[in-house]
Amino acid sequence: QVQVVESGGGLVQAGGSLRLSCAASGRDFSISAMGWFRQAPGKAREVVARINSGGNTNYADFVKGRFTISRDNVKKTVYLQMNNLKPEDTAIYYCNFLQWTTVPGSWGQGTQVTVSS
């Protein structure tokens, strides 16, 4: 069984930064691809960034150059460094194991990010 707990969200002004953390459980963390996702009010959840077991990353176009995903396999934690935040980045941010995204019960509570203009 796997579990994720997100933290680090908050209220920030446009142009500011936040660092999100995702603490994961599960013995297969180090060999699992992980992702950050977000869901804004009235919109579907969307992929923000992904990182595989080897540390290779890819990003949605709307965050390229601003956000950085990383992982610490010893701490079983995934991070999302968010710089130059924009009001349109306002959303609940979630992380998950990529292999579990279709399982409804696998999602955590998320962490709210609000960017004021």
Protein backbone atom coordinates (compact mmCIF):
# COMPACT_ATOMS: atom_id res chain seq x y z
CA GLN A 1 0.00 0.00 0.00
CA VAL A 2 1.26 3.46 -0.84
CA GLN A 3 0.42 6.82 0.62
CA VAL A 4 1.39 10.40 -0.11
CA VAL A 5 1.19 13.51 2.06
CA GLU A 6 1.69 16.91 0.46
CA SER A 7 2.77 20.06 2.29
CA GLY A 8 4.29 23.48 1.72
CA GLY A 9 1.46 25.35 0.07
CA GLY A 10 0.33 28.81 1.05
CA LEU A 11 -0.50 32.32 -0.05
CA VAL A 12 2.15 34.17 -2.04
CA GLN A 13 2.26 37.26 -4.21
CA ALA A 14 2.85 37.02 -7.92
CA GLY A 15 6.55 36.62 -8.62
CA GLY A 16 7.13 34.81 -5.35
CA SER A 17 8.30 31.27 -4.64
CA LEU A 18 7.14 28.21 -2.76
CA ARG A 19 8.61 24.76 -2.23
CA LEU A 20 6.20 21.87 -2.00
CA SER A 21 7.07 18.55 -0.41
CA CYS A 22 5.51 15.14 -0.85
CA ALA A 23 6.27 12.45 1.71
CA ALA A 24 5.58 9.03 0.30
CA SER A 25 5.36 5.60 1.82
CA GLY A 26 5.88 2.30 0.08
CA ARG A 27 8.95 0.16 -0.32
CA ASP A 28 9.09 0.73 -4.07
CA PHE A 29 9.53 4.50 -3.89
CA SER A 30 13.11 4.54 -5.21
CA ILE A 31 12.15 2.66 -8.36
CA SER A 32 8.89 4.51 -8.95
CA ALA A 33 8.18 7.44 -11.20
CA MET A 34 6.48 10.29 -9.36
CA GLY A 35 4.53 13.30 -10.46
CA TRP A 36 3.10 16.60 -9.30
CA PHE A 37 -0.37 17.54 -10.46
CA ARG A 38 -2.73 20.43 -9.85
CA GLN A 39 -6.42 21.14 -9.96
CA ALA A 40 -7.85 24.63 -10.16
CA PRO A 41 -11.50 25.33 -9.30
CA GLY A 42 -13.81 24.12 -12.03
CA LYS A 43 -11.00 22.49 -13.98
CA ALA A 44 -9.70 18.97 -14.40
CA ARG A 45 -6.56 17.80 -12.66
CA GLU A 46 -3.50 18.26 -14.86
CA VAL A 47 0.10 17.10 -14.83
CA VAL A 48 2.64 19.70 -13.76
CA ALA A 49 5.90 17.75 -13.64
CA ARG A 50 7.20 14.20 -13.59
CA ILE A 51 10.40 12.53 -12.44
CA ASN A 52 11.42 8.94 -13.04
CA SER A 53 13.55 6.67 -10.87
CA GLY A 54 16.69 7.82 -12.64
CA GLY A 55 15.99 11.48 -11.98
CA ASN A 56 14.93 12.37 -15.50
CA THR A 57 12.27 15.07 -15.52
CA ASN A 58 9.71 16.61 -17.77
CA TYR A 59 7.37 19.56 -17.33
CA ALA A 60 4.15 20.95 -18.63
CA ASP A 61 4.77 23.86 -20.97
CA PHE A 62 3.06 26.30 -18.63
CA VAL A 63 5.68 25.74 -15.87
CA LYS A 64 8.85 25.18 -17.88
CA GLY A 65 11.65 27.42 -16.67
CA ARG A 66 9.78 28.27 -13.45
CA PHE A 67 9.23 24.97 -11.61
CA THR A 68 11.73 22.24 -10.70
CA ILE A 69 10.86 18.74 -9.56
CA SER A 70 13.37 16.70 -7.55
CA ARG A 71 13.43 13.67 -5.30
CA ASP A 72 15.27 12.31 -2.28
CA ASN A 73 15.03 8.53 -2.26
CA VAL A 74 16.45 8.23 1.27
CA LYS A 75 13.73 10.49 2.66
CA LYS A 76 11.13 9.11 0.22
CA THR A 77 10.20 12.66 -0.63
CA VAL A 78 9.48 14.51 -3.86
CA TYR A 79 9.82 18.27 -4.07
CA LEU A 80 8.43 20.95 -6.35
CA GLN A 81 10.30 24.24 -6.31
CA MET A 82 8.04 26.90 -7.76
CA ASN A 83 9.51 30.25 -8.75
CA ASN A 84 8.04 33.29 -10.45
CA LEU A 85 4.55 32.22 -9.47
CA LYS A 86 1.59 33.60 -11.38
CA PRO A 87 -2.06 34.00 -10.34
CA GLU A 88 -2.97 31.26 -12.83
CA ASP A 89 -0.84 28.83 -10.78
CA THR A 90 -3.48 29.00 -8.05
CA ALA A 91 -4.70 25.45 -7.46
CA ILE A 92 -4.57 22.47 -5.15
CA TYR A 93 -1.32 20.63 -5.81
CA TYR A 94 -1.09 16.87 -5.50
CA CYS A 95 1.66 14.34 -5.90
CA ASN A 96 1.34 10.68 -6.69
CA PHE A 97 3.10 7.60 -7.95
CA LEU A 98 2.56 7.66 -11.72
CA GLN A 99 1.51 4.02 -11.70
CA TRP A 100 -1.29 4.77 -9.24
CA THR A 101 -2.91 7.86 -10.76
CA THR A 102 -5.94 5.92 -12.02
CA VAL A 103 -6.70 4.59 -8.53
CA PRO A 104 -9.03 7.07 -6.78
CA GLY A 105 -7.96 6.09 -3.27
CA SER A 106 -4.31 6.70 -3.99
CA TRP A 107 -4.55 10.49 -3.94
CA GLY A 108 -3.68 12.55 -0.89
CA GLN A 109 -5.36 15.70 0.38
CA GLY A 110 -3.15 17.98 -1.65
CA THR A 111 -1.80 21.36 -0.62
CA GLN A 112 -3.40 24.67 -1.56
CA VAL A 113 -1.33 27.22 -3.46
CA THR A 114 -2.82 30.68 -3.86
CA VAL A 115 -1.03 33.38 -5.84
CA SER A 116 -2.31 36.92 -5.50
CA SER A 117 -1.85 39.55 -8.17
